[in-house]
């Protein structure tokens, strides 16, 4: 995956709301990735989001 910290940067620094659902986060990351010229798969984005959640929310 190019730019491996993309999902974490998005969650920590690009979000404008503190509350969100998993599907909202996926849609946001998909759009942001496309805007930046990345072609991340949904599976990759979901996996990175899940790792973030498990790491910080236990």
C-alpha atoms as a PDB file:
ATOM      1  CA  UNK A   1       0.000   0.000   0.000  1.00  0.00           C
ATOM      2  CA  UNK A   2       1.453   3.339  -0.937  1.00  0.00           C
ATOM      3  CA  UNK A   3       1.341   5.901   1.862  1.00  0.00           C
ATOM      4  CA  UNK A   4       0.744   3.287   4.594  1.00  0.00           C
ATOM      5  CA  UNK A   5      -0.286   5.814   7.245  1.00  0.00           C
ATOM      6  CA  UNK A   6      -3.027   7.341   5.095  1.00  0.00           C
ATOM      7  CA  UNK A   7      -5.921   5.890   7.125  1.00  0.00           C
ATOM      8  CA  UNK A   8      -4.429   6.868  10.490  1.00  0.00           C
ATOM      9  CA  UNK A   9      -3.649  10.413   9.323  1.00  0.00           C
ATOM     10  CA  UNK A  10      -7.184  10.727   8.050  1.00  0.00           C
ATOM     11  CA  UNK A  11      -8.727   9.532  11.311  1.00  0.00           C
ATOM     12  CA  UNK A  12      -6.462  11.632  13.552  1.00  0.00           C
ATOM     13  CA  UNK A  13      -6.078  14.843  11.570  1.00  0.00           C
ATOM     14  CA  UNK A  14      -8.539  15.158   8.673  1.00  0.00           C
ATOM     15  CA  UNK A  15     -11.862  14.320  10.335  1.00  0.00           C
ATOM     16  CA  UNK A  16     -14.082  17.206  11.328  1.00  0.00           C
ATOM     17  CA  UNK A  17     -16.413  15.247  13.649  1.00  0.00           C
ATOM     18  CA  UNK A  18     -15.437  13.140  16.661  1.00  0.00           C
ATOM     19  CA  UNK A  19     -18.304  10.666  16.148  1.00  0.00           C
ATOM     20  CA  UNK A  20     -18.685   8.434  13.107  1.00  0.00           C
ATOM     21  CA  UNK A  21     -19.706   4.999  11.943  1.00  0.00           C
ATOM     22  CA  UNK A  22     -17.459   2.513  10.235  1.00  0.00           C
ATOM     23  CA  UNK A  23     -19.283   2.989   6.913  1.00  0.00           C
ATOM     24  CA  UNK A  24     -19.021   6.797   7.176  1.00  0.00           C
ATOM     25  CA  UNK A  25     -15.299   6.510   7.814  1.00  0.00           C
ATOM     26  CA  UNK A  26     -14.824   4.189   4.830  1.00  0.00           C
ATOM     27  CA  UNK A  27     -16.702   6.571   2.529  1.00  0.00           C
ATOM     28  CA  UNK A  28     -14.649   9.544   3.772  1.00  0.00           C
ATOM     29  CA  UNK A  29     -11.333   7.725   3.358  1.00  0.00           C
ATOM     30  CA  UNK A  30     -12.318   6.517  -0.103  1.00  0.00           C
ATOM     31  CA  UNK A  31     -13.137  10.065  -1.247  1.00  0.00           C
ATOM     32  CA  UNK A  32     -10.041  11.575   0.372  1.00  0.00           C
ATOM     33  CA  UNK A  33      -7.827   8.901  -1.176  1.00  0.00           C
ATOM     34  CA  UNK A  34      -9.288   9.513  -4.625  1.00  0.00           C
ATOM     35  CA  UNK A  35      -8.843  13.260  -4.175  1.00  0.00           C
ATOM     36  CA  UNK A  36      -5.171  12.689  -3.379  1.00  0.00           C
ATOM     37  CA  UNK A  37      -4.728  10.307  -6.319  1.00  0.00           C
ATOM     38  CA  UNK A  38      -4.511   7.036  -4.357  1.00  0.00           C
ATOM     39  CA  UNK A  39      -6.188   3.817  -5.413  1.00  0.00           C
ATOM     40  CA  UNK A  40      -6.666   2.106  -2.048  1.00  0.00           C
ATOM     41  CA  UNK A  41      -9.022  -0.862  -1.996  1.00  0.00           C
ATOM     42  CA  UNK A  42     -11.966  -0.841   0.397  1.00  0.00           C
ATOM     43  CA  UNK A  43     -10.579  -3.969   2.073  1.00  0.00           C
ATOM     44  CA  UNK A  44      -7.297  -2.181   2.812  1.00  0.00           C
ATOM     45  CA  UNK A  45      -9.039   0.908   4.169  1.00  0.00           C
ATOM     46  CA  UNK A  46     -11.337  -1.165   6.396  1.00  0.00           C
ATOM     47  CA  UNK A  47      -8.392  -3.186   7.719  1.00  0.00           C
ATOM     48  CA  UNK A  48      -6.432  -0.062   8.571  1.00  0.00           C
ATOM     49  CA  UNK A  49      -9.494   1.475  10.246  1.00  0.00           C
ATOM     50  CA  UNK A  50     -10.059  -1.705  12.267  1.00  0.00           C
ATOM     51  CA  UNK A  51      -6.425  -1.771  13.407  1.00  0.00           C
ATOM     52  CA  UNK A  52      -6.735   1.851  14.513  1.00  0.00           C
ATOM     53  CA  UNK A  53      -9.931   1.110  16.453  1.00  0.00           C
ATOM     54  CA  UNK A  54      -8.472  -1.965  18.143  1.00  0.00           C
ATOM     55  CA  UNK A  55      -5.273  -0.102  19.022  1.00  0.00           C
ATOM     56  CA  UNK A  56      -6.887   2.989  20.521  1.00  0.00           C
ATOM     57  CA  UNK A  57     -10.324   1.832  21.633  1.00  0.00           C
ATOM     58  CA  UNK A  58      -9.294  -1.597  22.846  1.00  0.00           C
END
